[in-house]
Protein backbone atom coordinates (compact mmCIF):
# COMPACT_ATOMS: atom_id res chain seq x y z
CA MET A 1 37.89 51.87 4.24
CA GLY A 2 34.52 49.92 4.29
CA ASN A 3 34.70 49.61 0.57
CA THR A 4 37.90 48.00 0.48
CA ASN A 5 36.75 45.25 3.14
CA LEU A 6 35.91 41.77 1.64
CA PRO A 7 32.05 41.37 2.04
CA ILE A 8 31.40 38.35 4.10
CA TRP A 9 27.83 37.46 4.41
CA ILE A 10 26.11 34.73 6.59
CA ILE A 11 23.17 33.02 5.93
CA GLU A 12 21.19 31.40 8.49
CA PRO A 13 17.72 29.92 9.20
CA GLU A 14 15.10 32.84 9.13
CA ILE A 15 13.31 33.51 12.52
CA THR A 16 10.16 33.61 10.84
CA GLU A 17 10.31 29.97 10.23
CA LYS A 18 8.92 29.00 13.50
CA ARG A 19 6.08 31.24 12.82
CA ASP A 20 5.78 29.74 9.53
CA THR A 21 5.76 25.96 10.89
CA ALA A 22 2.94 27.23 13.28
CA ALA A 23 0.91 28.73 10.69
CA ARG A 24 0.76 25.55 8.79
CA ARG A 25 -0.39 23.49 11.83
CA LEU A 26 -3.05 25.92 12.41
CA LEU A 27 -4.32 25.50 8.84
CA GLU A 28 -7.21 23.33 9.49
CA GLY A 29 -8.27 25.58 12.64
CA GLY A 30 -9.73 28.02 10.25
CA GLN A 31 -6.87 30.59 10.43
CA LYS A 32 -6.63 32.99 7.28
CA ALA A 33 -4.99 31.71 4.33
CA ALA A 34 -2.72 34.80 4.17
CA LEU A 35 -1.11 33.34 7.24
CA ILE A 36 -0.12 30.13 5.76
CA PRO A 37 3.14 30.22 3.90
CA GLU A 38 2.92 29.31 0.26
CA ILE A 39 4.17 25.88 -0.35
CA VAL A 40 7.25 26.12 -2.67
CA ASN A 41 7.99 24.12 -5.77
CA VAL A 42 11.05 22.19 -5.23
CA ASP A 43 11.24 21.16 -8.64
CA ASP A 44 11.47 24.79 -9.83
CA ILE A 45 14.42 25.35 -7.06
CA LYS A 46 15.99 22.36 -8.30
CA GLN A 47 15.92 23.55 -12.26
CA GLN A 48 17.10 26.91 -11.22
CA LEU A 49 20.14 25.17 -9.34
CA GLN A 50 20.77 23.15 -12.11
CA GLU A 51 21.32 25.73 -14.70
CA LEU A 52 23.29 27.77 -12.15
CA ARG A 53 25.55 24.74 -11.84
CA LYS A 54 25.78 23.87 -15.49
CA TYR A 55 27.27 27.69 -15.95
CA SER A 56 29.85 27.44 -13.31
CA ARG A 57 30.79 24.09 -14.60
CA ASP A 58 31.28 25.12 -18.26
CA ASN A 59 32.94 28.69 -16.97
CA THR A 60 34.94 27.87 -14.17
CA ASP A 61 38.32 29.18 -15.78
CA SER A 62 36.75 32.35 -16.50
CA LEU A 63 35.06 32.66 -13.23
CA VAL A 64 38.22 31.83 -11.30
CA GLU A 65 40.46 34.57 -13.37
CA GLU A 66 37.50 37.12 -12.85
CA LEU A 67 37.38 36.47 -8.74
CA LYS A 68 41.11 36.73 -8.93
CA ALA A 69 41.04 40.12 -10.75
CA ASN A 70 38.56 41.47 -8.36
CA LEU A 71 39.99 40.35 -5.01
CA SER A 72 43.45 41.81 -6.17
CA GLN A 73 42.06 45.41 -7.31
CA LYS A 74 39.20 45.66 -4.75
CA TYR A 75 40.35 44.21 -1.70
CA PRO A 76 44.12 44.40 -1.90
CA GLN A 77 44.40 43.86 2.05
CA VAL A 78 43.17 40.11 1.79
CA LYS A 79 46.26 37.61 1.03
CA VAL A 80 44.91 35.55 -1.73
CA LYS A 81 46.91 32.02 -2.67
CA SER A 82 46.21 29.96 -5.25
CA VAL A 83 47.06 26.43 -4.48
CA ALA A 84 47.15 22.90 -6.69
CA ASP A 85 46.51 20.57 -4.11
CA ASN A 86 45.76 20.00 -0.12
CA THR A 87 49.49 19.38 0.52
CA GLU A 88 50.05 22.95 -0.90
CA ALA A 89 47.23 24.38 0.95
CA ILE A 90 48.49 22.78 4.35
CA LYS A 91 52.23 24.14 3.44
CA TYR A 92 50.77 27.56 2.97
CA ILE A 93 48.72 27.48 6.37
CA THR A 94 51.73 26.26 8.29
CA GLU A 95 53.91 29.06 6.73
CA ILE A 96 51.44 31.81 7.95
CA SER A 97 50.80 30.27 11.31
CA ASP A 98 53.31 32.33 13.32
CA GLU A 99 53.73 29.02 15.25
CA ILE A 100 49.76 28.85 16.43
CA LYS A 101 49.22 25.20 16.62
CA THR A 102 45.40 25.47 17.38
CA ILE A 103 42.80 25.34 14.35
CA SER A 104 39.34 26.05 14.56
CA ILE A 105 37.03 24.41 11.40
CA ASN A 106 33.57 24.61 10.26
CA ASN A 107 31.73 21.72 8.68
CA SER A 108 32.81 22.35 5.03
CA ARG A 109 34.05 19.25 3.25
CA ALA A 110 36.77 21.37 1.55
CA VAL A 111 38.12 21.33 5.28
CA THR A 112 37.04 18.16 7.04
CA GLU A 113 37.97 15.98 4.20
CA GLU A 114 40.54 17.76 2.31
CA LEU A 115 42.70 19.46 4.63
CA LYS A 116 42.07 18.38 8.42
CA PRO A 117 43.68 14.91 8.06
CA GLY A 118 47.02 16.55 6.74
CA LEU A 119 46.61 19.62 9.56
CA ILE A 120 46.51 16.96 12.06
CA THR A 121 49.67 15.27 10.79
CA SER A 122 51.55 18.67 10.38
CA GLY A 123 51.11 18.87 14.32
CA PHE A 124 47.82 21.28 14.61
CA THR A 125 45.15 20.44 17.05
CA VAL A 126 41.97 20.90 15.09
CA ILE A 127 38.87 21.99 16.84
CA GLU A 128 35.08 22.00 15.84
CA PRO A 129 33.04 24.56 17.80
CA TYR A 130 30.33 23.54 15.77
CA PHE A 131 29.76 20.55 18.43
CA ASP A 132 30.19 23.07 21.22
CA GLU A 133 26.71 24.66 20.71
CA PHE A 134 24.30 21.52 21.33
CA ASP A 135 24.72 18.84 23.90
CA VAL A 136 24.44 15.32 22.49
CA GLN A 137 25.39 12.33 24.73
CA GLU A 138 24.84 9.59 22.41
CA LYS A 139 24.22 9.53 18.63
CA GLU A 140 20.84 7.41 17.71
CA ARG A 141 20.12 6.01 14.40
CA LEU A 142 16.75 6.57 12.84
CA ASN A 143 15.06 4.28 10.50
CA TYR A 144 15.06 5.87 7.15
CA TRP A 145 11.22 5.45 7.14
CA GLU A 146 11.13 7.70 10.30
CA LEU A 147 12.57 10.94 8.70
CA PRO A 148 9.90 13.41 7.79
CA HIS A 149 11.13 13.63 4.18
CA LEU A 150 9.96 17.24 4.15
CA LEU A 151 11.04 17.91 0.68
CA ASP A 152 8.74 15.13 -0.90
CA LYS A 153 6.02 17.22 0.76
CA ASN A 154 7.49 20.60 -0.99
CA LEU A 155 8.14 21.88 2.47
CA THR A 156 11.48 23.56 3.13
CA GLY A 157 13.44 25.58 5.48
CA THR A 158 13.85 29.08 5.15
CA PHE A 159 17.04 30.45 5.00
CA ASP A 160 18.35 34.31 4.32
CA VAL A 161 21.04 36.47 4.96
CA SER A 162 21.41 37.52 8.41
CA ILE A 163 24.79 39.16 9.09
CA LYS A 164 26.78 41.20 6.69
CA MET A 165 30.47 41.77 7.24
CA ALA A 166 32.99 44.20 5.77
CA GLY A 167 35.90 41.77 6.28
CA ILE A 168 36.72 40.56 9.69
CA ASP A 169 36.56 42.65 12.89
CA SER A 170 39.63 44.67 13.34
CA THR A 171 38.20 47.34 15.55
CA GLY A 172 39.45 45.69 18.86
CA LEU A 173 35.73 45.36 19.82
CA SER A 174 35.70 41.65 19.87
CA GLU A 175 37.97 39.74 22.12
CA THR A 176 40.88 38.18 19.97
CA LYS A 177 42.12 34.54 20.68
CA GLU A 178 44.92 32.83 19.65
CA TYR A 179 44.23 30.73 16.97
CA LEU A 180 43.59 30.12 13.31
CA ALA A 181 40.25 29.94 11.86
CA VAL A 182 40.21 27.57 8.58
CA LEU A 183 36.67 28.02 7.09
CA GLY A 184 35.20 26.44 3.95
CA ALA A 185 33.05 28.77 1.94
CA ASN A 186 29.98 27.71 0.58
CA THR A 187 29.82 30.06 -2.47
CA VAL A 188 31.64 33.11 -3.60
CA SER A 189 30.75 35.79 -6.26
CA ALA A 190 33.28 36.03 -9.05
CA ALA A 191 31.76 39.20 -9.94
CA ASP A 192 32.29 41.15 -6.77
CA GLY A 193 34.19 38.71 -4.20
CA THR A 194 31.28 38.46 -1.88
CA VAL A 195 31.71 35.29 0.42
CA PHE A 196 28.95 33.35 1.71
CA PHE A 197 28.67 30.84 4.40
CA LEU A 198 25.76 29.01 5.58
CA GLN A 199 25.74 28.70 9.64
CA HIS A 200 22.97 26.97 11.71
CA PHE A 201 24.49 28.13 14.87
CA HIS A 202 27.10 30.80 16.01
CA ASN A 203 30.41 29.19 15.28
CA ILE A 204 31.25 30.80 11.90
CA HIS A 205 30.37 34.08 13.00
CA ASN A 206 32.50 33.74 16.28
CA ASP A 207 35.32 32.55 14.33
CA LEU A 208 35.37 35.75 12.01
CA LYS A 209 35.24 37.94 14.86
CA GLN A 210 37.72 36.03 17.15
CA ALA A 211 40.48 34.26 15.67
CA LYS A 212 43.76 35.89 15.17
CA LYS A 213 44.04 34.64 11.45
CA VAL A 214 41.30 33.63 9.26
CA ILE A 215 41.94 31.31 6.24
CA ILE A 216 38.84 31.22 4.02
CA VAL A 217 39.21 28.20 1.71
CA VAL A 218 37.39 28.58 -1.90
CA GLY A 219 36.83 25.46 -3.82
CA LEU A 220 37.10 26.16 -7.31
CA ASP A 221 33.78 24.58 -7.44
CA LYS A 222 32.24 27.06 -5.25
CA ILE A 223 32.82 30.22 -7.44
CA VAL A 224 29.80 31.36 -8.88
CA ARG A 225 28.81 34.22 -11.58
CA ASN A 226 27.53 36.79 -8.96
CA ARG A 227 26.04 37.78 -5.62
CA GLU A 228 22.59 36.54 -6.47
CA ASP A 229 23.73 33.39 -7.77
CA ALA A 230 25.76 32.94 -4.80
CA ALA A 231 23.12 33.59 -2.36
CA PHE A 232 20.73 31.10 -4.24
CA GLN A 233 23.35 28.23 -3.99
CA ALA A 234 24.11 28.73 -0.33
CA LYS A 235 20.32 28.98 0.31
CA CYS A 236 19.94 25.69 -1.32
CA MET A 237 22.40 24.00 0.68
CA GLY A 238 20.48 24.82 3.76
CA ILE A 239 17.12 23.69 1.92
CA PHE A 240 18.50 20.42 0.63
CA GLY A 241 20.71 19.65 3.67
CA MET A 242 18.11 20.36 6.21
CA GLU A 243 17.81 16.63 7.46
CA SER A 244 21.33 15.73 6.59
CA ILE A 245 22.18 18.18 9.15
CA LEU A 246 20.42 16.27 11.90
CA LEU A 247 22.08 13.05 10.84
CA GLY A 248 25.60 14.58 11.28
CA ILE A 249 25.62 15.66 14.69
CA GLU A 250 27.54 13.84 16.79
CA PRO A 251 28.54 13.52 20.39
CA LYS A 252 31.66 15.94 21.25
CA SER A 253 34.64 14.15 22.58
CA GLU A 254 35.30 14.91 26.05
CA LYS A 255 39.09 15.57 25.35
CA THR A 256 38.24 18.43 22.59
CA ILE A 257 39.13 21.78 23.98
CA SER A 258 36.89 24.59 23.14
CA VAL A 259 37.60 28.39 21.74
CA ALA A 260 36.58 29.72 25.10
CA ASP A 261 39.40 27.61 26.75
CA LEU A 262 42.06 29.49 24.46
CA PRO A 263 44.11 32.55 25.69
CA SER A 264 43.07 35.85 24.89
CA LEU A 265 45.28 38.55 22.93
CA THR A 266 45.55 42.26 23.63
CA SER A 267 43.06 44.87 21.91
CA ASP A 268 45.81 46.02 19.48
CA THR A 269 46.39 42.66 18.07
CA GLU A 270 46.76 42.72 14.50
CA ARG A 271 44.46 40.12 12.44
CA GLU A 272 44.80 38.85 9.24
CA LEU A 273 42.42 37.61 6.45
CA HIS A 274 43.81 35.04 3.75
CA LEU A 275 41.93 33.30 0.91
CA ILE A 276 43.08 30.06 -0.38
CA LEU A 277 41.79 29.03 -3.93
CA LEU A 278 41.64 25.53 -3.72
CA ASP A 279 41.88 23.19 -6.89
CA ASN A 280 42.82 19.61 -5.47
CA ASN A 281 41.85 17.34 -8.49
CA ARG A 282 38.83 19.78 -9.37
CA THR A 283 40.55 20.84 -12.68
CA SER A 284 41.17 17.29 -13.45
CA LEU A 285 37.50 16.14 -12.89
CA LEU A 286 36.35 19.06 -15.23
CA GLN A 287 38.57 17.73 -18.03
CA SER A 288 37.52 13.93 -17.48
CA GLN A 289 34.28 12.48 -18.62
CA PHE A 290 33.04 12.55 -15.23
CA ARG A 291 32.61 16.73 -15.19
CA ASP A 292 29.09 16.24 -14.40
CA PHE A 293 30.17 15.77 -10.93
CA PHE A 294 31.18 19.21 -10.67
CA GLN A 295 27.71 20.31 -10.47
CA CYS A 296 27.26 18.77 -6.86
CA ILE A 297 26.90 21.36 -4.06
CA ASP A 298 27.86 18.96 -1.15
CA CYS A 299 24.31 19.39 0.41
CA ARG A 300 24.53 15.87 1.59
CA SER A 301 20.94 15.18 0.90
CA CYS A 302 21.93 11.83 -0.83
CA THR A 303 23.22 10.50 2.63
CA ALA A 304 19.89 11.71 4.28
CA SER A 305 17.91 9.48 1.93
CA CYS A 306 20.30 6.49 1.91
CA PRO A 307 18.28 3.48 3.81
CA ALA A 308 21.72 1.60 3.87
CA ASN A 309 23.45 4.48 5.91
CA LEU A 310 20.41 5.11 7.91
CA SER A 311 20.86 1.23 9.21
CA GLY A 312 24.34 1.47 9.82
CA LYS A 313 25.51 -0.11 6.97
CA PRO A 314 29.14 1.14 5.84
CA LEU A 315 27.68 3.29 2.68
CA SER A 316 27.67 6.74 2.98
CA PRO A 317 26.65 8.38 -0.44
CA LYS A 318 28.23 11.75 0.26
CA GLU A 319 31.57 9.95 0.86
CA LEU A 320 31.26 7.82 -2.32
CA ILE A 321 30.63 10.75 -4.42
CA PHE A 322 33.58 12.56 -2.78
CA ASN A 323 35.96 9.74 -3.28
CA LEU A 324 34.28 9.35 -6.97
CA LYS A 325 35.12 13.08 -7.63
CA LYS A 326 38.59 12.49 -6.55
CA TYR A 327 39.80 9.24 -8.12
CA LEU A 328 37.50 8.88 -11.24
CA PRO A 329 39.44 11.05 -13.31
CA GLN A 330 42.52 8.99 -12.77
CA VAL A 331 41.35 5.57 -12.77
CA GLY A 332 37.83 5.91 -14.65
CA PRO A 333 38.98 5.60 -18.07
CA GLU A 334 40.93 2.47 -17.29
CA LEU A 335 38.31 0.98 -15.48
CA LEU A 336 35.62 1.55 -18.20
CA GLN A 337 38.22 -0.47 -20.60
CA GLY A 338 38.10 -3.26 -18.12
CA LYS A 339 41.60 -2.70 -16.95
CA ALA A 340 41.05 -3.23 -13.31
CA GLU A 341 43.81 -5.31 -12.53
CA LYS A 342 46.10 -2.41 -12.73
CA PHE A 343 44.60 -1.09 -9.43
CA VAL A 344 45.30 -4.10 -7.29
CA ALA A 345 48.17 -1.96 -5.49
CA ASP A 346 45.53 0.61 -4.34
CA ILE A 347 43.92 -2.12 -2.07
CA ASP A 348 45.75 -1.28 1.29
CA GLU A 349 44.84 2.16 0.69
CA ALA A 350 41.11 1.50 0.05
CA SER A 351 41.15 -0.78 3.01
CA ALA A 352 42.45 2.22 5.10
CA GLY A 353 39.59 4.45 4.07
CA GLY A 354 41.63 5.97 1.23
CA THR A 355 39.47 5.33 -1.56
CA ILE A 356 36.44 3.06 -2.06
CA THR A 357 36.03 -0.03 -0.31
CA GLU A 358 34.28 -3.18 -1.54
CA ASP A 359 31.88 -3.32 1.38
CA GLU A 360 30.76 0.07 0.40
CA ILE A 361 29.80 -1.15 -2.91
CA TRP A 362 27.70 -4.31 -1.53
CA ALA A 363 26.08 -2.20 1.13
CA CYS A 364 24.22 -0.31 -1.81
CA THR A 365 20.86 -1.98 -2.35
CA THR A 366 20.21 -0.08 -5.92
CA CYS A 367 17.12 1.68 -4.67
CA ARG A 368 18.15 5.24 -6.09
CA ALA A 369 17.23 7.12 -3.30
CA CYS A 370 20.35 9.08 -3.82
CA GLN A 371 19.83 9.59 -7.27
CA ARG A 372 16.28 10.85 -6.74
CA SER A 373 17.54 13.03 -4.02
CA ALA A 374 20.56 14.40 -5.81
CA ARG A 375 19.88 18.33 -6.86
CA TYR A 376 21.80 18.14 -10.14
CA SER A 377 20.74 14.67 -11.51
């Protein structure tokens, strides 16, 4: 049965990272050079990532078809659904929910930005157990010059595969809870279907073990050639997104329930694994002159380096890029022709947070910090 279960691998910060950091600090204390970790060449990592992303961009159609074929042949117990947009994805989740109205999500943009608003509108209670694992009473803004900017010093965090699962736990050894887990994958290998998650705490692993139904959401931009490429890209999200993780930590709402509060089910409860292949304008982006946006891996390093964002201005490069990827294929050609007046009707949507606002644009100081940090620029 092991060979027919979808491989799910979780990447986490290595436990040796603390040891390596301590070794660096002891460098001037006469410690042996062998104990000092080698400083990585961030430019080499960036170059390898660029090549990987270009291949995925240029071969998306074939990668999607290869992944579908492998999932069907090797893992028939996984229920695979291809959807054109977020509306169709939410409809599918609603149909398979069995009237369960509580959903746990991870911090993937495909879930938090593309699905979460519609799930809430559809009557689901969405919880983010990511915030249960640390105690933050108040969010404090840092000045941009106070960030360590470790990548500028060629210092990175160390990430590696720490958990290898064969599907979701169906042995009954773990307690099953009455909720759905909707988890955005960081990368997926087209060659063998291996799903990769980047996890900084325990929330993803817990959801994979406990949720009655697990729905893995795979944006078409997350499909890469093979397991080696998938592991490398997921590690890059950890490396380049290291400082943005700290910026994204928010105080937990007092009204938010946790997975621990949910009812437990009997040990013989049948669990299900679903996988949604999400397009949602990705194909349109690939077919447009803005296809290079497809190379973005959503590491959020652009926001971590933005002085406007860190000073409290209404500009988040990660949100800006997300909205550009969403809307440029539709309005970009007209805007480039100077026909901006055609989009006056969209002002209300923009002011409500649906697109890009005027305040965001004017908050930008054109310092190009985001451009320098972009791993695909």
